[in-house]
Amino acid sequence: MRPVIFEHTAWDLALATQALSYLDPDLGFDISKVYTQQNAFQKLEDSFLAAAFTPASLSSDNVKGMATAMELYLIDVNQQEPAILQLYDKVIPEVKGALSH
């Protein structure tokens, strides 16, 4: 397993320094939505990893345990991924525009 690790250092720094107050409020909201969506994705991954590698899911009595956990995780991830990509496509040009001013 190679888990996805979303960095949030820039977000933490922006909050700590109140740098978001220098941005248009709509852009701040859009950036926040990106981090919220990434956190939701991360929670799915964490839950999968916690559930997938348990004695019950790896038991020879439950040969479908790991496969079932992985199938549900992949369904959830495939539903989440387009939303994250859409947010990136929206926010990245907005951030670039704000930085060029």
C-alpha atoms as a PDB file:
ATOM      1  CA  MET A   1       0.000   0.000   0.000  1.00  0.00           C
ATOM      2  CA  ARG A   2       1.202   3.439  -0.906  1.00  0.00           C
ATOM      3  CA  PRO A   3      -1.124   5.800   0.900  1.00  0.00           C
ATOM      4  CA  VAL A   4      -1.764   9.276  -0.454  1.00  0.00           C
ATOM      5  CA  ILE A   5      -0.409  11.916   1.879  1.00  0.00           C
ATOM      6  CA  PHE A   6      -1.850  15.381   1.404  1.00  0.00           C
ATOM      7  CA  GLU A   7       0.399  18.176   2.596  1.00  0.00           C
ATOM      8  CA  HIS A   8      -1.335  20.968   4.456  1.00  0.00           C
ATOM      9  CA  THR A   9       1.672  23.001   5.592  1.00  0.00           C
ATOM     10  CA  ALA A  10       0.735  25.998   3.433  1.00  0.00           C
ATOM     11  CA  TRP A  11      -2.805  25.936   4.814  1.00  0.00           C
ATOM     12  CA  ASP A  12      -1.553  25.731   8.407  1.00  0.00           C
ATOM     13  CA  LEU A  13       0.858  28.613   7.788  1.00  0.00           C
ATOM     14  CA  ALA A  14      -1.862  30.721   6.130  1.00  0.00           C
ATOM     15  CA  LEU A  15      -4.132  30.182   9.127  1.00  0.00           C
ATOM     16  CA  ALA A  16      -1.410  30.858  11.685  1.00  0.00           C
ATOM     17  CA  THR A  17      -0.297  34.088  10.012  1.00  0.00           C
ATOM     18  CA  GLN A  18      -3.822  35.155   9.031  1.00  0.00           C
ATOM     19  CA  ALA A  19      -2.583  35.479   5.441  1.00  0.00           C
ATOM     20  CA  LEU A  20      -6.006  34.521   4.094  1.00  0.00           C
ATOM     21  CA  SER A  21      -7.259  37.950   5.170  1.00  0.00           C
ATOM     22  CA  TYR A  22      -5.255  39.400   2.250  1.00  0.00           C
ATOM     23  CA  LEU A  23      -7.151  37.295  -0.278  1.00  0.00           C
ATOM     24  CA  ASP A  24     -10.545  37.767  -1.780  1.00  0.00           C
ATOM     25  CA  PRO A  25     -12.962  35.958   0.578  1.00  0.00           C
ATOM     26  CA  ASP A  26     -14.297  33.783  -2.273  1.00  0.00           C
ATOM     27  CA  LEU A  27     -10.771  32.562  -3.019  1.00  0.00           C
ATOM     28  CA  GLY A  28     -10.215  31.816   0.665  1.00  0.00           C
ATOM     29  CA  PHE A  29     -13.421  29.769   0.677  1.00  0.00           C
ATOM     30  CA  ASP A  30     -12.352  27.887  -2.450  1.00  0.00           C
ATOM     31  CA  ILE A  31      -8.953  27.075  -0.954  1.00  0.00           C
ATOM     32  CA  SER A  32     -10.676  25.897   2.222  1.00  0.00           C
ATOM     33  CA  LYS A  33     -12.889  23.583   0.166  1.00  0.00           C
ATOM     34  CA  VAL A  34      -9.771  21.965  -1.334  1.00  0.00           C
ATOM     35  CA  TYR A  35      -8.352  21.191   2.089  1.00  0.00           C
ATOM     36  CA  THR A  36     -11.738  19.983   3.347  1.00  0.00           C
ATOM     37  CA  GLN A  37     -12.048  17.596   0.390  1.00  0.00           C
ATOM     38  CA  GLN A  38      -8.489  16.368   0.904  1.00  0.00           C
ATOM     39  CA  ASN A  39      -9.251  15.700   4.581  1.00  0.00           C
ATOM     40  CA  ALA A  40     -12.345  13.696   3.622  1.00  0.00           C
ATOM     41  CA  PHE A  41     -10.215  11.645   1.217  1.00  0.00           C
ATOM     42  CA  GLN A  42      -7.601  11.138   3.920  1.00  0.00           C
ATOM     43  CA  LYS A  43     -10.242   9.905   6.367  1.00  0.00           C
ATOM     44  CA  LEU A  44     -11.426   7.327   3.820  1.00  0.00           C
ATOM     45  CA  GLU A  45      -7.885   6.117   3.403  1.00  0.00           C
ATOM     46  CA  ASP A  46      -7.225   5.989   7.144  1.00  0.00           C
ATOM     47  CA  SER A  47     -10.454   4.067   7.728  1.00  0.00           C
ATOM     48  CA  PHE A  48      -9.610   1.598   4.985  1.00  0.00           C
ATOM     49  CA  LEU A  49      -6.122   0.988   6.320  1.00  0.00           C
ATOM     50  CA  ALA A  50      -7.456   0.508   9.838  1.00  0.00           C
ATOM     51  CA  ALA A  51     -10.149  -1.919   8.677  1.00  0.00           C
ATOM     52  CA  ALA A  52      -8.188  -3.786   6.028  1.00  0.00           C
ATOM     53  CA  PHE A  53      -5.369  -5.091   8.162  1.00  0.00           C
ATOM     54  CA  THR A  54      -7.249  -6.578  11.079  1.00  0.00           C
ATOM     55  CA  PRO A  55      -7.315 -10.198  12.174  1.00  0.00           C
ATOM     56  CA  ALA A  56     -10.927 -10.426  10.961  1.00  0.00           C
ATOM     57  CA  SER A  57     -10.184  -9.175   7.442  1.00  0.00           C
ATOM     58  CA  LEU A  58      -7.108 -11.384   7.106  1.00  0.00           C
ATOM     59  CA  SER A  59      -8.694 -14.480   8.641  1.00  0.00           C
ATOM     60  CA  SER A  60      -8.823 -17.659   6.618  1.00  0.00           C
ATOM     61  CA  ASP A  61     -12.459 -17.928   7.788  1.00  0.00           C
ATOM     62  CA  ASN A  62     -13.216 -14.712   5.907  1.00  0.00           C
ATOM     63  CA  VAL A  63     -11.429 -15.041   2.557  1.00  0.00           C
ATOM     64  CA  LYS A  64     -13.319 -12.094   1.096  1.00  0.00           C
ATOM     65  CA  GLY A  65     -12.632  -9.713   4.007  1.00  0.00           C
ATOM     66  CA  MET A  66      -9.709  -7.833   2.485  1.00  0.00           C
ATOM     67  CA  ALA A  67     -11.242  -7.818  -0.994  1.00  0.00           C
ATOM     68  CA  THR A  68     -14.513  -6.408   0.338  1.00  0.00           C
ATOM     69  CA  ALA A  69     -12.730  -3.664   2.274  1.00  0.00           C
ATOM     70  CA  MET A  70     -10.641  -2.755  -0.762  1.00  0.00           C
ATOM     71  CA  GLU A  71     -13.644  -2.758  -3.092  1.00  0.00           C
ATOM     72  CA  LEU A  72     -15.592  -0.372  -0.847  1.00  0.00           C
ATOM     73  CA  TYR A  73     -12.572   1.879  -0.442  1.00  0.00           C
ATOM     74  CA  LEU A  74     -11.962   2.051  -4.184  1.00  0.00           C
ATOM     75  CA  ILE A  75     -15.618   2.860  -4.862  1.00  0.00           C
ATOM     76  CA  ASP A  76     -15.454   5.721  -2.361  1.00  0.00           C
ATOM     77  CA  VAL A  77     -12.146   7.007  -3.731  1.00  0.00           C
ATOM     78  CA  ASN A  78     -13.418   6.921  -7.307  1.00  0.00           C
ATOM     79  CA  GLN A  79     -16.371   9.036  -6.212  1.00  0.00           C
ATOM     80  CA  GLN A  80     -14.139  11.521  -4.350  1.00  0.00           C
ATOM     81  CA  GLU A  81     -11.390  11.943  -6.937  1.00  0.00           C
ATOM     82  CA  PRO A  82     -13.388  13.931  -9.541  1.00  0.00           C
ATOM     83  CA  ALA A  83     -14.470  16.403  -6.860  1.00  0.00           C
ATOM     84  CA  ILE A  84     -10.865  16.992  -5.791  1.00  0.00           C
ATOM     85  CA  LEU A  85      -9.681  17.393  -9.379  1.00  0.00           C
ATOM     86  CA  GLN A  86     -12.498  19.842 -10.092  1.00  0.00           C
ATOM     87  CA  LEU A  87     -11.521  21.909  -7.059  1.00  0.00           C
ATOM     88  CA  TYR A  88      -7.848  21.924  -8.157  1.00  0.00           C
ATOM     89  CA  ASP A  89      -8.858  23.019 -11.657  1.00  0.00           C
ATOM     90  CA  LYS A  90     -10.800  25.909 -10.167  1.00  0.00           C
ATOM     91  CA  VAL A  91      -8.431  27.034  -7.415  1.00  0.00           C
ATOM     92  CA  ILE A  92      -5.006  26.773  -9.052  1.00  0.00           C
ATOM     93  CA  PRO A  93      -5.696  29.469 -11.695  1.00  0.00           C
ATOM     94  CA  GLU A  94      -7.352  31.650  -9.027  1.00  0.00           C
ATOM     95  CA  VAL A  95      -4.288  31.392  -6.775  1.00  0.00           C
ATOM     96  CA  LYS A  96      -1.937  32.103  -9.689  1.00  0.00           C
ATOM     97  CA  GLY A  97      -4.035  35.148 -10.562  1.00  0.00           C
ATOM     98  CA  ALA A  98      -3.966  36.416  -6.989  1.00  0.00           C
ATOM     99  CA  LEU A  99      -0.198  35.971  -6.789  1.00  0.00           C
ATOM    100  CA  SER A 100       0.406  37.908 -10.012  1.00  0.00           C
ATOM    101  CA  HIS A 101      -1.282  41.041  -8.671  1.00  0.00           C
END
